[in-house]
C-alpha atoms as a PDB file:
ATOM      1  CA  UNK A   1     -11.947 -17.743 -12.675  1.00  0.00           C
ATOM      2  CA  UNK A   2     -13.238 -15.997  -9.784  1.00  0.00           C
ATOM      3  CA  UNK A   3     -10.635 -14.587  -7.107  1.00  0.00           C
ATOM      4  CA  UNK A   4      -9.942 -13.660  -3.547  1.00  0.00           C
ATOM      5  CA  UNK A   5     -10.508 -10.571  -4.682  1.00  0.00           C
ATOM      6  CA  UNK A   6     -13.635 -10.329  -6.156  1.00  0.00           C
ATOM      7  CA  UNK A   7     -15.247 -11.646  -3.507  1.00  0.00           C
ATOM      8  CA  UNK A   8     -13.518  -8.517  -1.228  1.00  0.00           C
ATOM      9  CA  UNK A   9     -14.655  -5.823  -3.794  1.00  0.00           C
ATOM     10  CA  UNK A  10     -17.999  -7.092  -4.296  1.00  0.00           C
ATOM     11  CA  UNK A  11     -18.390  -6.608  -0.457  1.00  0.00           C
ATOM     12  CA  UNK A  12     -16.568  -3.289  -0.719  1.00  0.00           C
ATOM     13  CA  UNK A  13     -19.295  -2.334  -3.489  1.00  0.00           C
ATOM     14  CA  UNK A  14     -22.035  -3.490  -1.748  1.00  0.00           C
ATOM     15  CA  UNK A  15     -21.117  -1.398   1.390  1.00  0.00           C
ATOM     16  CA  UNK A  16     -20.632   1.905  -0.493  1.00  0.00           C
ATOM     17  CA  UNK A  17     -24.063   1.517  -2.611  1.00  0.00           C
ATOM     18  CA  UNK A  18     -25.533   1.498   1.290  1.00  0.00           C
ATOM     19  CA  UNK A  19     -23.398   5.011   1.895  1.00  0.00           C
ATOM     20  CA  UNK A  20     -25.516   7.842   1.920  1.00  0.00           C
ATOM     21  CA  UNK A  21     -23.134  10.125   3.284  1.00  0.00           C
ATOM     22  CA  UNK A  22     -22.219  13.065   1.253  1.00  0.00           C
ATOM     23  CA  UNK A  23     -19.165  13.275  -0.823  1.00  0.00           C
ATOM     24  CA  UNK A  24     -19.006  17.008  -0.781  1.00  0.00           C
ATOM     25  CA  UNK A  25     -19.300  17.572   2.941  1.00  0.00           C
ATOM     26  CA  UNK A  26     -16.571  14.536   3.094  1.00  0.00           C
ATOM     27  CA  UNK A  27     -14.175  16.258   0.685  1.00  0.00           C
ATOM     28  CA  UNK A  28     -15.063  19.410   2.642  1.00  0.00           C
ATOM     29  CA  UNK A  29     -13.856  18.452   5.785  1.00  0.00           C
ATOM     30  CA  UNK A  30     -10.756  16.077   4.650  1.00  0.00           C
ATOM     31  CA  UNK A  31      -9.836  19.397   2.572  1.00  0.00           C
ATOM     32  CA  UNK A  32      -9.260  21.249   5.741  1.00  0.00           C
ATOM     33  CA  UNK A  33      -7.109  18.421   8.005  1.00  0.00           C
ATOM     34  CA  UNK A  34      -3.541  18.932   8.848  1.00  0.00           C
ATOM     35  CA  UNK A  35      -0.884  18.323   5.508  1.00  0.00           C
ATOM     36  CA  UNK A  36       0.855  14.770   4.646  1.00  0.00           C
ATOM     37  CA  UNK A  37       3.893  13.989   5.514  1.00  0.00           C
ATOM     38  CA  UNK A  38       5.080  12.982   1.925  1.00  0.00           C
ATOM     39  CA  UNK A  39       4.969   9.320   1.757  1.00  0.00           C
ATOM     40  CA  UNK A  40       6.446   9.163  -2.344  1.00  0.00           C
ATOM     41  CA  UNK A  41       9.156  12.109  -1.254  1.00  0.00           C
ATOM     42  CA  UNK A  42      10.447   9.524   1.888  1.00  0.00           C
ATOM     43  CA  UNK A  43      10.987   6.906  -0.512  1.00  0.00           C
ATOM     44  CA  UNK A  44      12.522   8.779  -3.402  1.00  0.00           C
ATOM     45  CA  UNK A  45      15.265  10.514  -0.547  1.00  0.00           C
ATOM     46  CA  UNK A  46      15.400   6.590   0.922  1.00  0.00           C
ATOM     47  CA  UNK A  47      16.322   5.445  -2.839  1.00  0.00           C
ATOM     48  CA  UNK A  48      18.910   7.520  -3.848  1.00  0.00           C
ATOM     49  CA  UNK A  49      21.287   5.457  -1.422  1.00  0.00           C
ATOM     50  CA  UNK A  50      19.554   2.286  -0.682  1.00  0.00           C
ATOM     51  CA  UNK A  51      16.664  -0.011  -0.473  1.00  0.00           C
ATOM     52  CA  UNK A  52      13.392   1.895   0.618  1.00  0.00           C
ATOM     53  CA  UNK A  53      11.416  -0.810   2.739  1.00  0.00           C
ATOM     54  CA  UNK A  54       7.373  -0.169   3.002  1.00  0.00           C
ATOM     55  CA  UNK A  55       6.688  -2.092   6.024  1.00  0.00           C
ATOM     56  CA  UNK A  56       3.020  -2.662   7.077  1.00  0.00           C
ATOM     57  CA  UNK A  57       0.601  -3.932   9.637  1.00  0.00           C
ATOM     58  CA  UNK A  58      -1.316  -6.766   8.866  1.00  0.00           C
ATOM     59  CA  UNK A  59      -3.160  -8.777  11.362  1.00  0.00           C
ATOM     60  CA  UNK A  60      -4.016 -11.807   8.852  1.00  0.00           C
ATOM     61  CA  UNK A  61      -4.366 -12.449   5.679  1.00  0.00           C
ATOM     62  CA  UNK A  62      -7.499 -13.865   3.564  1.00  0.00           C
ATOM     63  CA  UNK A  63      -4.873 -16.817   1.970  1.00  0.00           C
ATOM     64  CA  UNK A  64      -2.833 -17.118   5.291  1.00  0.00           C
ATOM     65  CA  UNK A  65      -5.158 -16.793   8.270  1.00  0.00           C
ATOM     66  CA  UNK A  66      -3.819 -15.048  11.443  1.00  0.00           C
ATOM     67  CA  UNK A  67      -0.370 -13.608  11.092  1.00  0.00           C
ATOM     68  CA  UNK A  68      -0.188 -11.740  14.680  1.00  0.00           C
ATOM     69  CA  UNK A  69      -3.967 -10.832  15.387  1.00  0.00           C
ATOM     70  CA  UNK A  70      -3.259  -9.187  18.660  1.00  0.00           C
ATOM     71  CA  UNK A  71      -0.354  -6.932  17.259  1.00  0.00           C
ATOM     72  CA  UNK A  72       0.199  -3.361  19.809  1.00  0.00           C
ATOM     73  CA  UNK A  73       0.026  -1.090  16.273  1.00  0.00           C
ATOM     74  CA  UNK A  74       1.974   1.612  18.063  1.00  0.00           C
ATOM     75  CA  UNK A  75       4.285  -0.531  19.315  1.00  0.00           C
ATOM     76  CA  UNK A  76       4.909  -2.352  16.201  1.00  0.00           C
ATOM     77  CA  UNK A  77       4.953   1.214  14.515  1.00  0.00           C
ATOM     78  CA  UNK A  78       8.059   1.834  16.982  1.00  0.00           C
ATOM     79  CA  UNK A  79       9.646  -1.462  15.942  1.00  0.00           C
ATOM     80  CA  UNK A  80       9.717  -0.491  12.177  1.00  0.00           C
ATOM     81  CA  UNK A  81      10.709   3.063  12.776  1.00  0.00           C
ATOM     82  CA  UNK A  82      13.577   1.789  14.735  1.00  0.00           C
ATOM     83  CA  UNK A  83      14.149  -0.999  11.913  1.00  0.00           C
ATOM     84  CA  UNK A  84      14.413   2.010   9.511  1.00  0.00           C
ATOM     85  CA  UNK A  85      11.822   1.929   7.225  1.00  0.00           C
ATOM     86  CA  UNK A  86      10.945   4.585   5.111  1.00  0.00           C
ATOM     87  CA  UNK A  87       7.030   4.097   5.550  1.00  0.00           C
ATOM     88  CA  UNK A  88       4.148   2.254   7.128  1.00  0.00           C
ATOM     89  CA  UNK A  89       1.051   0.624   5.360  1.00  0.00           C
ATOM     90  CA  UNK A  90      -1.593  -0.317   7.323  1.00  0.00           C
ATOM     91  CA  UNK A  91      -4.554  -2.766   6.340  1.00  0.00           C
ATOM     92  CA  UNK A  92      -7.606  -0.738   7.565  1.00  0.00           C
ATOM     93  CA  UNK A  93      -9.946  -3.732   5.882  1.00  0.00           C
ATOM     94  CA  UNK A  94     -11.979  -5.240   8.919  1.00  0.00           C
ATOM     95  CA  UNK A  95     -13.940  -8.352   7.780  1.00  0.00           C
ATOM     96  CA  UNK A  96     -11.470  -9.878   5.827  1.00  0.00           C
ATOM     97  CA  UNK A  97      -8.185  -8.470   7.236  1.00  0.00           C
ATOM     98  CA  UNK A  98      -8.932  -7.898  11.024  1.00  0.00           C
ATOM     99  CA  UNK A  99      -7.381  -4.484  10.465  1.00  0.00           C
ATOM    100  CA  UNK A 100      -9.429  -1.119  11.224  1.00  0.00           C
ATOM    101  CA  UNK A 101      -8.888   2.940  11.428  1.00  0.00           C
ATOM    102  CA  UNK A 102      -8.058   2.517  14.312  1.00  0.00           C
ATOM    103  CA  UNK A 103      -5.164   1.086  13.443  1.00  0.00           C
ATOM    104  CA  UNK A 104      -3.831   3.488  11.624  1.00  0.00           C
ATOM    105  CA  UNK A 105      -4.376   6.109  13.689  1.00  0.00           C
ATOM    106  CA  UNK A 106      -2.550   4.583  16.852  1.00  0.00           C
ATOM    107  CA  UNK A 107       0.517   3.727  14.142  1.00  0.00           C
ATOM    108  CA  UNK A 108       0.158   7.021  12.469  1.00  0.00           C
ATOM    109  CA  UNK A 109       0.344   8.963  16.830  1.00  0.00           C
ATOM    110  CA  UNK A 110       3.202   6.443  17.541  1.00  0.00           C
ATOM    111  CA  UNK A 111       5.905   7.700  15.010  1.00  0.00           C
ATOM    112  CA  UNK A 112       6.743  10.280  12.484  1.00  0.00           C
ATOM    113  CA  UNK A 113       6.629   7.824   9.072  1.00  0.00           C
ATOM    114  CA  UNK A 114       4.369   8.684   6.695  1.00  0.00           C
ATOM    115  CA  UNK A 115       1.655   6.106   6.101  1.00  0.00           C
ATOM    116  CA  UNK A 116      -0.630   4.351   3.321  1.00  0.00           C
ATOM    117  CA  UNK A 117      -4.334   3.724   3.816  1.00  0.00           C
ATOM    118  CA  UNK A 118      -3.818  -0.175   2.661  1.00  0.00           C
ATOM    119  CA  UNK A 119      -7.488  -1.629   1.674  1.00  0.00           C
ATOM    120  CA  UNK A 120     -10.079  -1.419  -1.252  1.00  0.00           C
ATOM    121  CA  UNK A 121     -10.609   1.933  -2.867  1.00  0.00           C
ATOM    122  CA  UNK A 122     -14.000   1.490  -4.225  1.00  0.00           C
ATOM    123  CA  UNK A 123     -15.889   4.581  -3.745  1.00  0.00           C
ATOM    124  CA  UNK A 124     -14.500   8.416  -3.858  1.00  0.00           C
ATOM    125  CA  UNK A 125     -15.559   8.846  -0.021  1.00  0.00           C
ATOM    126  CA  UNK A 126     -13.056   5.980   0.783  1.00  0.00           C
ATOM    127  CA  UNK A 127      -9.980   8.222  -0.136  1.00  0.00           C
ATOM    128  CA  UNK A 128     -11.879  10.998   1.998  1.00  0.00           C
ATOM    129  CA  UNK A 129     -12.325   8.476   4.894  1.00  0.00           C
ATOM    130  CA  UNK A 130      -8.679   8.125   3.846  1.00  0.00           C
ATOM    131  CA  UNK A 131      -7.226  11.650   4.892  1.00  0.00           C
ATOM    132  CA  UNK A 132      -9.937  11.609   7.250  1.00  0.00           C
ATOM    133  CA  UNK A 133      -8.250   9.371   9.579  1.00  0.00           C
ATOM    134  CA  UNK A 134      -4.931  10.497   8.836  1.00  0.00           C
ATOM    135  CA  UNK A 135      -3.650   8.437   6.149  1.00  0.00           C
ATOM    136  CA  UNK A 136      -0.828  10.598   3.932  1.00  0.00           C
ATOM    137  CA  UNK A 137      -1.442   8.072   0.484  1.00  0.00           C
ATOM    138  CA  UNK A 138      -3.832   5.461  -0.428  1.00  0.00           C
ATOM    139  CA  UNK A 139      -3.757   2.545  -2.468  1.00  0.00           C
ATOM    140  CA  UNK A 140      -5.468   2.458  -5.898  1.00  0.00           C
ATOM    141  CA  UNK A 141      -5.649  -1.281  -7.178  1.00  0.00           C
ATOM    142  CA  UNK A 142      -6.220  -1.174 -11.493  1.00  0.00           C
ATOM    143  CA  UNK A 143      -7.424  -5.145 -10.822  1.00  0.00           C
ATOM    144  CA  UNK A 144     -10.108  -3.404  -8.970  1.00  0.00           C
ATOM    145  CA  UNK A 145     -11.385  -0.420 -11.236  1.00  0.00           C
ATOM    146  CA  UNK A 146     -12.249   0.490 -14.146  1.00  0.00           C
ATOM    147  CA  UNK A 147      -9.622   3.034 -16.309  1.00  0.00           C
ATOM    148  CA  UNK A 148     -12.536   6.064 -15.490  1.00  0.00           C
ATOM    149  CA  UNK A 149     -12.612   5.214 -12.176  1.00  0.00           C
ATOM    150  CA  UNK A 150      -8.706   4.875 -11.586  1.00  0.00           C
ATOM    151  CA  UNK A 151      -8.430   8.284 -13.098  1.00  0.00           C
ATOM    152  CA  UNK A 152     -10.710  10.282 -11.475  1.00  0.00           C
ATOM    153  CA  UNK A 153     -10.004   8.775  -7.703  1.00  0.00           C
ATOM    154  CA  UNK A 154      -6.114   9.598  -8.653  1.00  0.00           C
ATOM    155  CA  UNK A 155      -7.655  12.624  -9.105  1.00  0.00           C
ATOM    156  CA  UNK A 156      -9.139  13.509  -6.054  1.00  0.00           C
ATOM    157  CA  UNK A 157      -6.689  11.884  -3.929  1.00  0.00           C
ATOM    158  CA  UNK A 158      -3.871  14.704  -5.239  1.00  0.00           C
ATOM    159  CA  UNK A 159      -6.542  17.149  -4.822  1.00  0.00           C
ATOM    160  CA  UNK A 160      -6.241  16.353  -0.882  1.00  0.00           C
ATOM    161  CA  UNK A 161      -2.623  15.990  -0.726  1.00  0.00           C
ATOM    162  CA  UNK A 162      -2.539  11.927  -0.385  1.00  0.00           C
ATOM    163  CA  UNK A 163       0.447  10.024  -2.554  1.00  0.00           C
ATOM    164  CA  UNK A 164      -1.143   7.586  -4.470  1.00  0.00           C
ATOM    165  CA  UNK A 165      -0.004   4.392  -4.683  1.00  0.00           C
ATOM    166  CA  UNK A 166      -1.087   2.484  -8.041  1.00  0.00           C
ATOM    167  CA  UNK A 167      -1.089  -1.742  -7.882  1.00  0.00           C
ATOM    168  CA  UNK A 168      -0.250  -2.957 -11.380  1.00  0.00           C
ATOM    169  CA  UNK A 169       0.164  -6.806 -12.396  1.00  0.00           C
ATOM    170  CA  UNK A 170       0.884  -6.314 -16.022  1.00  0.00           C
ATOM    171  CA  UNK A 171       1.599  -4.188 -18.795  1.00  0.00           C
ATOM    172  CA  UNK A 172      -2.182  -3.554 -19.470  1.00  0.00           C
ATOM    173  CA  UNK A 173      -2.774  -2.517 -16.151  1.00  0.00           C
ATOM    174  CA  UNK A 174       0.126  -0.360 -16.405  1.00  0.00           C
ATOM    175  CA  UNK A 175      -0.588   1.612 -19.098  1.00  0.00           C
ATOM    176  CA  UNK A 176      -4.239   2.140 -17.287  1.00  0.00           C
ATOM    177  CA  UNK A 177      -1.951   3.761 -14.284  1.00  0.00           C
ATOM    178  CA  UNK A 178      -0.074   5.615 -16.709  1.00  0.00           C
ATOM    179  CA  UNK A 179      -2.962   7.353 -18.348  1.00  0.00           C
ATOM    180  CA  UNK A 180      -4.301   7.943 -14.696  1.00  0.00           C
ATOM    181  CA  UNK A 181      -1.033  10.520 -14.610  1.00  0.00           C
ATOM    182  CA  UNK A 182       0.047   7.890 -11.759  1.00  0.00           C
ATOM    183  CA  UNK A 183       3.368   8.909 -10.105  1.00  0.00           C
ATOM    184  CA  UNK A 184       4.088   5.764  -8.067  1.00  0.00           C
ATOM    185  CA  UNK A 185       3.781   2.416  -9.126  1.00  0.00           C
ATOM    186  CA  UNK A 186       3.275  -0.984  -7.336  1.00  0.00           C
ATOM    187  CA  UNK A 187       3.968  -4.424  -8.875  1.00  0.00           C
ATOM    188  CA  UNK A 188       2.139  -7.119  -7.136  1.00  0.00           C
ATOM    189  CA  UNK A 189       3.740 -10.107  -7.491  1.00  0.00           C
ATOM    190  CA  UNK A 190       1.168 -12.687  -6.252  1.00  0.00           C
ATOM    191  CA  UNK A 191      -0.672 -14.116  -8.594  1.00  0.00           C
ATOM    192  CA  UNK A 192      -4.727 -13.288  -8.088  1.00  0.00           C
ATOM    193  CA  UNK A 193      -5.647 -16.626  -9.150  1.00  0.00           C
ATOM    194  CA  UNK A 194      -2.850 -19.281  -7.359  1.00  0.00           C
ATOM    195  CA  UNK A 195      -1.565 -16.950  -4.658  1.00  0.00           C
ATOM    196  CA  UNK A 196       1.668 -18.348  -5.837  1.00  0.00           C
ATOM    197  CA  UNK A 197       4.648 -15.571  -5.724  1.00  0.00           C
ATOM    198  CA  UNK A 198       5.914 -14.712  -9.378  1.00  0.00           C
ATOM    199  CA  UNK A 199       9.149 -12.492  -9.142  1.00  0.00           C
ATOM    200  CA  UNK A 200       9.782 -13.201 -12.507  1.00  0.00           C
ATOM    201  CA  UNK A 201       7.199 -10.834 -13.174  1.00  0.00           C
ATOM    202  CA  UNK A 202       8.353  -8.419 -10.815  1.00  0.00           C
ATOM    203  CA  UNK A 203      11.522  -8.448 -12.537  1.00  0.00           C
ATOM    204  CA  UNK A 204       9.608  -7.785 -16.079  1.00  0.00           C
ATOM    205  CA  UNK A 205       7.523  -4.822 -15.577  1.00  0.00           C
ATOM    206  CA  UNK A 206      10.532  -3.312 -13.289  1.00  0.00           C
ATOM    207  CA  UNK A 207      12.050  -2.828 -16.644  1.00  0.00           C
ATOM    208  CA  UNK A 208       8.926  -1.386 -18.337  1.00  0.00           C
ATOM    209  CA  UNK A 209       7.836   1.290 -15.646  1.00  0.00           C
ATOM    210  CA  UNK A 210       8.996   5.121 -16.989  1.00  0.00           C
ATOM    211  CA  UNK A 211      11.822   6.338 -15.253  1.00  0.00           C
ATOM    212  CA  UNK A 212      11.067   9.166 -12.976  1.00  0.00           C
ATOM    213  CA  UNK A 213       8.080   6.883 -11.896  1.00  0.00           C
ATOM    214  CA  UNK A 214       8.532   5.836  -7.921  1.00  0.00           C
ATOM    215  CA  UNK A 215       8.339   1.808  -7.983  1.00  0.00           C
ATOM    216  CA  UNK A 216       7.582  -0.105  -5.589  1.00  0.00           C
ATOM    217  CA  UNK A 217       7.833  -4.372  -5.683  1.00  0.00           C
ATOM    218  CA  UNK A 218       5.078  -5.906  -3.607  1.00  0.00           C
ATOM    219  CA  UNK A 219       3.953  -9.090  -1.437  1.00  0.00           C
ATOM    220  CA  UNK A 220       6.152 -12.200  -1.310  1.00  0.00           C
ATOM    221  CA  UNK A 221       9.687 -10.465  -0.195  1.00  0.00           C
ATOM    222  CA  UNK A 222      11.086 -13.052   2.142  1.00  0.00           C
ATOM    223  CA  UNK A 223      14.488 -11.994   2.485  1.00  0.00           C
ATOM    224  CA  UNK A 224      17.602 -10.077   1.415  1.00  0.00           C
ATOM    225  CA  UNK A 225      17.788 -12.184  -1.709  1.00  0.00           C
ATOM    226  CA  UNK A 226      14.800 -11.149  -3.003  1.00  0.00           C
ATOM    227  CA  UNK A 227      14.985  -7.474  -1.988  1.00  0.00           C
ATOM    228  CA  UNK A 228      18.696  -7.512  -3.507  1.00  0.00           C
ATOM    229  CA  UNK A 229      16.805  -9.163  -7.075  1.00  0.00           C
ATOM    230  CA  UNK A 230      14.423  -6.096  -6.734  1.00  0.00           C
ATOM    231  CA  UNK A 231      16.885  -3.923  -6.289  1.00  0.00           C
ATOM    232  CA  UNK A 232      18.909  -5.361  -9.189  1.00  0.00           C
ATOM    233  CA  UNK A 233      15.481  -4.513 -11.142  1.00  0.00           C
ATOM    234  CA  UNK A 234      14.965  -1.090 -10.422  1.00  0.00           C
ATOM    235  CA  UNK A 235      12.389  -1.021  -7.768  1.00  0.00           C
ATOM    236  CA  UNK A 236      12.904   2.139  -5.233  1.00  0.00           C
ATOM    237  CA  UNK A 237      10.705   0.484  -2.223  1.00  0.00           C
ATOM    238  CA  UNK A 238       9.798  -2.820  -1.375  1.00  0.00           C
ATOM    239  CA  UNK A 239       6.151  -3.493   0.520  1.00  0.00           C
ATOM    240  CA  UNK A 240       6.782  -5.543   3.031  1.00  0.00           C
ATOM    241  CA  UNK A 241       3.717  -7.288   5.012  1.00  0.00           C
ATOM    242  CA  UNK A 242       3.767 -11.306   6.106  1.00  0.00           C
ATOM    243  CA  UNK A 243       7.685 -11.492   6.772  1.00  0.00           C
ATOM    244  CA  UNK A 244       8.046  -9.100   9.224  1.00  0.00           C
ATOM    245  CA  UNK A 245       4.451  -9.705  10.798  1.00  0.00           C
ATOM    246  CA  UNK A 246       5.942 -13.103  11.847  1.00  0.00           C
ATOM    247  CA  UNK A 247       9.130 -12.194  12.551  1.00  0.00           C
ATOM    248  CA  UNK A 248      10.611 -13.055  15.987  1.00  0.00           C
ATOM    249  CA  UNK A 249      12.231  -9.988  15.398  1.00  0.00           C
ATOM    250  CA  UNK A 250      10.801  -7.032  13.309  1.00  0.00           C
ATOM    251  CA  UNK A 251      13.769  -4.678  14.475  1.00  0.00           C
ATOM    252  CA  UNK A 252      16.322  -7.018  12.710  1.00  0.00           C
ATOM    253  CA  UNK A 253      14.854  -8.017   9.838  1.00  0.00           C
ATOM    254  CA  UNK A 254      13.888  -4.550   8.278  1.00  0.00           C
ATOM    255  CA  UNK A 255      17.658  -3.936   8.770  1.00  0.00           C
ATOM    256  CA  UNK A 256      18.457  -6.939   6.831  1.00  0.00           C
ATOM    257  CA  UNK A 257      15.926  -6.092   4.067  1.00  0.00           C
ATOM    258  CA  UNK A 258      17.525  -2.722   4.060  1.00  0.00           C
ATOM    259  CA  UNK A 259      20.971  -3.768   3.419  1.00  0.00           C
ATOM    260  CA  UNK A 260      19.749  -4.485  -0.590  1.00  0.00           C
END
């Protein structure tokens, strides 16, 4: 069955085919920028005493529509920092999420937190772009890539100093991630066909991710109870978008999640 991810990936792969830029030139430019802030390290330090929160800037969702379409990335990033976020995640997909590279750059300049570029990486040049726009980490989605692409992209990202969050949904994808030497794994609780959140999947997967790997639960974290159950399942961090983007008080909402 076709999913929303299939259509998005088809769009991004078609655009990559039309991209005539030199990978080597982009890689050389990306290698020369300032060092990353340390995304995984921030989570590791915070998770020693409490659940870390990766707070997301996400203007809209393909399934939910507009969330906070006119948000100021600088103001929201500062609210997230005040609320105690360990890291930020910023959607840069323009067509499907109304994000942009400018959103990431503005948020990155506004705070001292490490920032993940949340997008659909289908080409090696996407990784260079992430580093050039100031990202400290990049997302690789196992469901979107072949095992060979995963391994290659992971190596390119780490060679540029980027941390890599590898997103998986099940044990098979976890094996692909681990074969690529992933050290930070995110479990997406949302079913890509039904859009329903499956908390049991996250709990199950939390028990099979090897120790020493940074564990992140993604999607569907609605409040402190969800955060606590994921902390109990062994997760170091939760990545939260819609709950914070639609909150009347993002600072207090974030603080309540961190109490887990």
